[in-house]
Amino acid sequence: MNKTRNIRSIRVTVPLVLAVLLIVAITGCALLAEEARAFGIADNFVENRDASRMALQAIEADTLPEDDEYFAGRAAAARILDSYDVYDDEAANRYINILGQTLALASTRPVIYAGYRFLILDTDEINGLATPGGHIFVTRGLLRLAESEHEVAAILAHEISHVENRHGAKAIMETKGRNLALRAEALNYRLAAVGAESGILGRGVAVLEERVQSVVNALLGDGYSVDAEKEADLGAIQILMTLGYDPRALSTVLDRLNDSEKLAGRVKEGFHKTHPKPERRIREIERRLEHYPGITQVDDAAANRRYQDALGGI
């Protein structure tokens, strides 16, 4: 499938001028001169004082800029696609994208740097992943647990809420801490994807790739925090209710997932490796929905037809 091949060859084409400008900005401050020398950057790139001041303002910010968040997410997405094949079913992926884009419009961040992207991973492993910047992956194994469009929507809404709340970007910034030199690296995540292997940028990109990869490994290996998962659940409930889907579908999926994982004895794999125990999340969701009237606005007959047509054979 052409789309799969295109995705597999993810490359971020950042103009060389922009890359050089960022290096000029970061290395322009004496405080970062030692880091600049470690990157092997020539002395004549340390002369632009205005760019230096702009870089420091960005470095000292409390949040990762959206464009850097996006490029970090693409690095994570590329790594995921190195490990998993994309499910080769155009109709299923189109359905997930249309449903996902609709749900994203009901979030508090309907518009992000490069938009939301949704893909099904061709694996029986039960998992869902949201990288910084809007790349959302759900496995075929996880979608098999869903029995209606309400439940598929709940799965996607949870992952969208991770992006909505910038959990990936926050995790990156927490990992980087307040050290200015490390925050400078966060500012330059985009360089990790330039692909330069020689010349002025060569050593800098190599160092950044290594350090970015350590953050990516942490995010994909350990998942988000318990608090982040709780926040994503609550955000998913709001998204579902806004569009008229049944928010109780989220606890239904979690309950079914918990039973299937226990039955298979895979408590340290897939979803359970990257997510906290479902029981706690189910209790919190049920508490939040204690007074939910149970009224939905989605045409169940039409939704079930869409679901069966797209995912009936998954």
Protein backbone atom coordinates (compact mmCIF):
# COMPACT_ATOMS: atom_id res chain seq x y z
CA MET A 1 0.00 0.00 0.00
CA ASN A 2 1.52 3.32 -1.09
CA LYS A 3 0.29 5.10 2.02
CA THR A 4 2.06 2.55 4.20
CA ARG A 5 5.30 2.93 2.31
CA ASN A 6 5.09 6.69 2.55
CA ILE A 7 4.52 6.54 6.27
CA ARG A 8 7.33 4.07 6.73
CA SER A 9 9.73 6.52 5.08
CA ILE A 10 8.86 9.32 7.48
CA ARG A 11 11.38 12.12 7.02
CA VAL A 12 11.18 15.64 8.35
CA THR A 13 12.47 18.04 5.69
CA VAL A 14 13.62 21.03 7.68
CA PRO A 15 15.28 23.72 5.54
CA LEU A 16 19.02 23.94 6.13
CA VAL A 17 18.67 27.67 6.72
CA LEU A 18 16.32 27.01 9.64
CA ALA A 19 18.63 24.40 11.08
CA VAL A 20 21.61 26.75 10.90
CA LEU A 21 19.56 29.60 12.36
CA LEU A 22 18.62 27.48 15.36
CA ILE A 23 22.22 26.48 15.94
CA VAL A 24 23.28 30.13 15.64
CA ALA A 25 20.64 31.11 18.16
CA ILE A 26 21.51 28.49 20.71
CA THR A 27 25.25 28.81 20.48
CA GLY A 28 25.16 32.61 20.57
CA CYS A 29 25.06 32.71 24.37
CA ALA A 30 28.29 32.28 26.31
CA LEU A 31 26.41 30.07 28.78
CA LEU A 32 25.95 27.49 26.02
CA ALA A 33 29.35 27.89 24.37
CA GLU A 34 30.72 24.67 25.84
CA GLU A 35 27.74 22.71 24.52
CA ALA A 36 28.28 24.35 21.13
CA ARG A 37 31.91 23.22 21.07
CA ALA A 38 30.77 19.71 21.93
CA PHE A 39 28.58 19.83 18.82
CA GLY A 40 31.62 20.83 16.74
CA ILE A 41 30.08 24.11 15.59
CA ALA A 42 32.43 26.67 14.03
CA ASP A 43 33.16 29.88 15.99
CA ASN A 44 31.74 32.13 13.27
CA PHE A 45 28.28 30.79 14.01
CA VAL A 46 28.28 32.45 17.45
CA GLU A 47 27.98 36.04 16.33
CA ASN A 48 24.23 36.68 16.03
CA ARG A 49 23.23 38.30 19.34
CA ASP A 50 19.59 38.87 18.35
CA ALA A 51 19.13 35.21 17.52
CA SER A 52 20.75 34.31 20.84
CA ARG A 53 18.23 36.36 22.79
CA MET A 54 15.37 34.74 20.87
CA ALA A 55 16.75 31.29 21.63
CA LEU A 56 17.05 32.00 25.35
CA GLN A 57 13.46 33.18 25.48
CA ALA A 58 12.32 29.91 23.95
CA ILE A 59 14.64 27.79 26.11
CA GLU A 60 13.39 29.41 29.29
CA ALA A 61 9.74 28.78 28.38
CA ASP A 62 7.83 26.28 30.47
CA THR A 63 6.42 24.37 27.51
CA LEU A 64 7.87 22.70 24.45
CA PRO A 65 6.97 24.70 21.31
CA GLU A 66 4.31 22.97 19.21
CA ASP A 67 6.57 22.54 16.20
CA ASP A 68 9.27 20.86 18.30
CA GLU A 69 6.58 18.72 19.93
CA TYR A 70 5.48 17.62 16.47
CA PHE A 71 8.99 16.73 15.29
CA ALA A 72 9.65 14.78 18.47
CA GLY A 73 6.40 12.93 17.86
CA ARG A 74 7.45 12.08 14.33
CA ALA A 75 10.65 10.57 15.66
CA ALA A 76 8.56 8.44 18.02
CA ALA A 77 6.13 7.53 15.23
CA ALA A 78 9.00 6.41 12.99
CA ARG A 79 10.29 4.18 15.76
CA ILE A 80 6.86 2.63 16.26
CA LEU A 81 6.57 1.94 12.54
CA ASP A 82 9.97 0.26 12.61
CA SER A 83 8.55 -2.19 15.14
CA TYR A 84 5.05 -2.74 13.75
CA ASP A 85 3.46 -3.10 10.33
CA VAL A 86 0.53 -0.91 9.38
CA TYR A 87 -2.72 -2.84 9.03
CA ASP A 88 -3.16 -3.14 5.26
CA ASP A 89 -6.84 -2.29 5.05
CA GLU A 90 -7.61 1.06 3.47
CA ALA A 91 -11.27 1.07 4.53
CA ALA A 92 -10.44 0.35 8.17
CA ASN A 93 -7.76 3.04 8.35
CA ARG A 94 -10.01 5.55 6.58
CA TYR A 95 -12.78 4.84 9.09
CA ILE A 96 -10.41 5.29 12.03
CA ASN A 97 -9.17 8.57 10.56
CA ILE A 98 -12.63 10.00 9.88
CA LEU A 99 -13.88 9.01 13.32
CA GLY A 100 -10.68 10.23 14.95
CA GLN A 101 -10.72 13.59 13.17
CA THR A 102 -14.36 14.08 14.18
CA LEU A 103 -13.56 13.32 17.81
CA ALA A 104 -10.54 15.63 17.74
CA LEU A 105 -12.79 18.51 16.69
CA ALA A 106 -14.64 18.11 19.99
CA SER A 107 -11.42 18.34 22.02
CA THR A 108 -9.96 21.50 23.51
CA ARG A 109 -7.15 21.32 20.91
CA PRO A 110 -8.95 20.69 17.61
CA VAL A 111 -6.15 22.39 15.67
CA ILE A 112 -2.54 21.39 16.29
CA TYR A 113 0.71 22.06 14.44
CA ALA A 114 0.34 19.42 11.69
CA GLY A 115 -3.04 17.90 12.53
CA TYR A 116 -3.99 14.55 14.00
CA ARG A 117 -3.03 11.29 12.28
CA PHE A 118 -4.48 7.86 13.03
CA LEU A 119 -3.19 4.43 12.01
CA ILE A 120 -4.00 0.82 12.84
CA LEU A 121 -1.02 -1.37 13.70
CA ASP A 122 -1.17 -4.93 12.41
CA THR A 123 -0.54 -6.82 15.63
CA ASP A 124 -2.55 -8.92 18.07
CA GLU A 125 -0.93 -6.99 20.91
CA ILE A 126 -3.51 -4.93 22.79
CA ASN A 127 -2.35 -1.33 22.95
CA GLY A 128 -2.94 2.28 22.02
CA LEU A 129 -0.23 4.92 21.69
CA ALA A 130 -0.30 8.70 21.35
CA THR A 131 2.99 10.39 20.55
CA PRO A 132 3.65 14.09 21.05
CA GLY A 133 2.20 16.21 18.28
CA GLY A 134 -0.77 14.10 17.21
CA HIS A 135 0.35 10.70 15.88
CA ILE A 136 -2.12 8.15 17.26
CA PHE A 137 -1.78 4.39 16.85
CA VAL A 138 -4.22 1.66 17.86
CA THR A 139 -3.50 -2.02 17.42
CA ARG A 140 -5.71 -4.52 15.69
CA GLY A 141 -5.78 -6.43 18.97
CA LEU A 142 -7.23 -3.45 20.83
CA LEU A 143 -9.85 -2.77 18.16
CA ARG A 144 -10.97 -6.39 18.35
CA LEU A 145 -12.09 -5.74 21.91
CA ALA A 146 -14.51 -3.07 20.70
CA GLU A 147 -18.01 -4.18 19.79
CA SER A 148 -19.52 -0.92 18.59
CA GLU A 149 -18.64 2.50 17.21
CA HIS A 150 -19.22 3.92 20.69
CA GLU A 151 -16.38 1.75 22.00
CA VAL A 152 -14.02 2.52 19.11
CA ALA A 153 -14.75 6.20 19.69
CA ALA A 154 -13.90 5.76 23.38
CA ILE A 155 -10.53 4.20 22.50
CA LEU A 156 -9.64 7.02 20.12
CA ALA A 157 -10.96 9.76 22.41
CA HIS A 158 -8.65 8.58 25.19
CA GLU A 159 -5.60 8.79 22.93
CA ILE A 160 -6.72 12.17 21.56
CA SER A 161 -6.96 13.43 25.12
CA HIS A 162 -3.29 12.57 25.67
CA VAL A 163 -2.45 14.88 22.77
CA GLU A 164 -5.02 17.44 23.90
CA ASN A 165 -3.33 17.65 27.31
CA ARG A 166 0.18 17.57 25.79
CA HIS A 167 1.24 14.66 27.98
CA GLY A 168 4.06 13.74 25.60
CA ALA A 169 5.47 17.26 25.51
CA LYS A 170 5.23 17.54 29.30
CA ALA A 171 7.05 14.25 29.73
CA ILE A 172 9.83 15.49 27.47
CA MET A 173 10.21 18.74 29.40
CA GLU A 174 10.19 16.93 32.74
CA THR A 175 12.92 14.64 31.48
CA LYS A 176 14.97 17.56 30.28
CA GLY A 177 14.60 19.49 33.52
CA ARG A 178 15.60 23.12 33.94
CA ASN A 179 19.18 22.84 32.71
CA LEU A 180 19.56 25.38 29.91
CA ALA A 181 21.82 23.26 27.78
CA LEU A 182 19.35 20.39 27.87
CA ARG A 183 16.45 22.74 27.23
CA ALA A 184 18.37 23.92 24.19
CA GLU A 185 18.27 20.35 22.92
CA ALA A 186 14.51 20.27 23.43
CA LEU A 187 14.26 23.43 21.34
CA ASN A 188 16.11 21.63 18.55
CA TYR A 189 14.25 18.31 18.38
CA ARG A 190 13.62 19.01 14.73
CA LEU A 191 17.34 18.57 14.02
CA ALA A 192 17.11 14.92 15.00
CA ALA A 193 15.11 14.29 11.84
CA VAL A 194 17.20 16.34 9.40
CA GLY A 195 19.32 13.31 8.61
CA ALA A 196 22.57 15.20 8.09
CA GLU A 197 25.51 12.85 8.43
CA SER A 198 28.37 15.16 7.53
CA GLY A 199 29.45 18.79 7.62
CA ILE A 200 28.65 21.33 10.31
CA LEU A 201 25.38 19.68 11.36
CA GLY A 202 26.65 16.12 11.38
CA ARG A 203 27.90 15.81 14.95
CA GLY A 204 25.13 17.97 16.36
CA VAL A 205 22.42 15.87 14.77
CA ALA A 206 24.07 12.64 15.95
CA VAL A 207 24.15 13.85 19.55
CA LEU A 208 20.57 15.09 19.40
CA GLU A 209 19.34 11.86 17.83
CA GLU A 210 20.87 9.85 20.65
CA ARG A 211 19.39 12.01 23.38
CA VAL A 212 15.99 12.32 21.72
CA GLN A 213 15.88 8.55 21.33
CA SER A 214 16.41 8.11 25.07
CA VAL A 215 13.29 10.20 25.69
CA VAL A 216 11.33 8.28 23.04
CA ASN A 217 12.34 4.99 24.65
CA ALA A 218 11.13 6.20 28.02
CA LEU A 219 7.76 7.29 26.64
CA LEU A 220 7.13 4.09 24.69
CA GLY A 221 8.52 1.74 27.32
CA ASP A 222 6.89 3.10 30.46
CA GLY A 223 3.86 4.91 29.08
CA TYR A 224 2.34 7.99 30.65
CA SER A 225 1.86 8.54 34.37
CA VAL A 226 -1.18 7.42 36.35
CA ASP A 227 -2.28 11.05 36.63
CA ALA A 228 -1.92 11.53 32.88
CA GLU A 229 -4.02 8.43 32.19
CA LYS A 230 -6.70 9.68 34.56
CA GLU A 231 -6.71 13.06 32.85
CA ALA A 232 -6.96 11.37 29.44
CA ASP A 233 -9.92 9.29 30.64
CA LEU A 234 -11.75 12.38 31.87
CA GLY A 235 -10.95 14.22 28.64
CA ALA A 236 -12.26 11.26 26.64
CA ILE A 237 -15.52 11.33 28.59
CA GLN A 238 -15.98 14.99 27.72
CA ILE A 239 -15.23 14.42 24.03
CA LEU A 240 -17.67 11.52 23.83
CA MET A 241 -20.45 13.42 25.57
CA THR A 242 -19.92 16.46 23.36
CA LEU A 243 -20.53 14.37 20.23
CA GLY A 244 -23.34 12.30 21.71
CA TYR A 245 -21.43 9.03 22.13
CA ASP A 246 -21.96 6.94 25.25
CA PRO A 247 -19.09 7.79 27.65
CA ARG A 248 -19.73 4.53 29.52
CA ALA A 249 -18.22 2.79 26.50
CA LEU A 250 -14.79 3.68 27.88
CA SER A 251 -15.26 1.70 31.08
CA THR A 252 -16.83 -1.13 29.05
CA VAL A 253 -13.70 -1.40 26.90
CA LEU A 254 -11.44 -1.22 29.96
CA ASP A 255 -13.42 -3.94 31.70
CA ARG A 256 -13.26 -6.20 28.66
CA LEU A 257 -9.57 -5.46 28.24
CA ASN A 258 -8.88 -6.30 31.87
CA ASP A 259 -10.65 -9.65 31.52
CA SER A 260 -8.84 -10.55 28.30
CA GLU A 261 -5.42 -9.67 29.67
CA LYS A 262 -5.97 -11.69 32.83
CA LEU A 263 -7.20 -14.64 30.80
CA ALA A 264 -4.11 -14.52 28.61
CA GLY A 265 -1.78 -13.90 31.54
CA ARG A 266 -0.16 -10.94 29.77
CA VAL A 267 -0.13 -8.54 32.68
CA LYS A 268 3.30 -7.15 31.76
CA GLU A 269 2.80 -6.87 28.04
CA GLY A 270 1.09 -4.47 25.69
CA PHE A 271 -1.52 -2.29 27.33
CA HIS A 272 -0.59 -3.31 30.87
CA LYS A 273 3.03 -2.37 30.23
CA THR A 274 2.17 1.19 29.22
CA HIS A 275 -1.04 1.83 31.20
CA PRO A 276 -2.04 1.66 34.89
CA LYS A 277 -4.42 -1.05 36.13
CA PRO A 278 -7.86 -0.80 34.50
CA GLU A 279 -9.73 -1.46 37.76
CA ARG A 280 -8.73 1.89 39.22
CA ARG A 281 -9.59 3.72 36.03
CA ILE A 282 -12.98 2.00 35.78
CA ARG A 283 -13.87 3.04 39.32
CA GLU A 284 -12.97 6.65 38.61
CA ILE A 285 -14.96 6.70 35.36
CA GLU A 286 -18.00 5.19 37.05
CA ARG A 287 -17.76 7.74 39.83
CA ARG A 288 -17.67 10.57 37.30
CA LEU A 289 -20.65 9.15 35.43
CA GLU A 290 -22.72 8.34 38.49
CA HIS A 291 -25.43 10.80 37.48
CA TYR A 292 -25.09 10.37 33.71
CA PRO A 293 -28.63 10.07 32.28
CA GLY A 294 -27.63 7.51 29.66
CA ILE A 295 -28.95 9.52 26.73
CA THR A 296 -26.94 9.44 23.50
CA GLN A 297 -27.43 11.36 20.27
CA VAL A 298 -25.67 9.03 17.85
CA ASP A 299 -27.81 7.05 15.41
CA ASP A 300 -26.92 3.56 16.61
CA ALA A 301 -28.16 1.84 13.47
CA ALA A 302 -26.00 4.00 11.20
CA ALA A 303 -23.04 3.80 13.59
CA ASN A 304 -23.24 0.02 13.72
CA ARG A 305 -23.31 -0.18 9.93
CA ARG A 306 -20.21 2.00 9.71
CA TYR A 307 -18.47 -0.06 12.35
CA GLN A 308 -19.32 -3.41 10.75
CA ASP A 309 -18.39 -2.26 7.24
CA ALA A 310 -14.99 -0.96 8.34
CA LEU A 311 -13.94 -3.18 11.23
CA GLY A 312 -16.19 -6.22 11.04
CA GLY A 313 -13.38 -8.39 9.72
CA ILE A 314 -10.55 -7.06 11.82
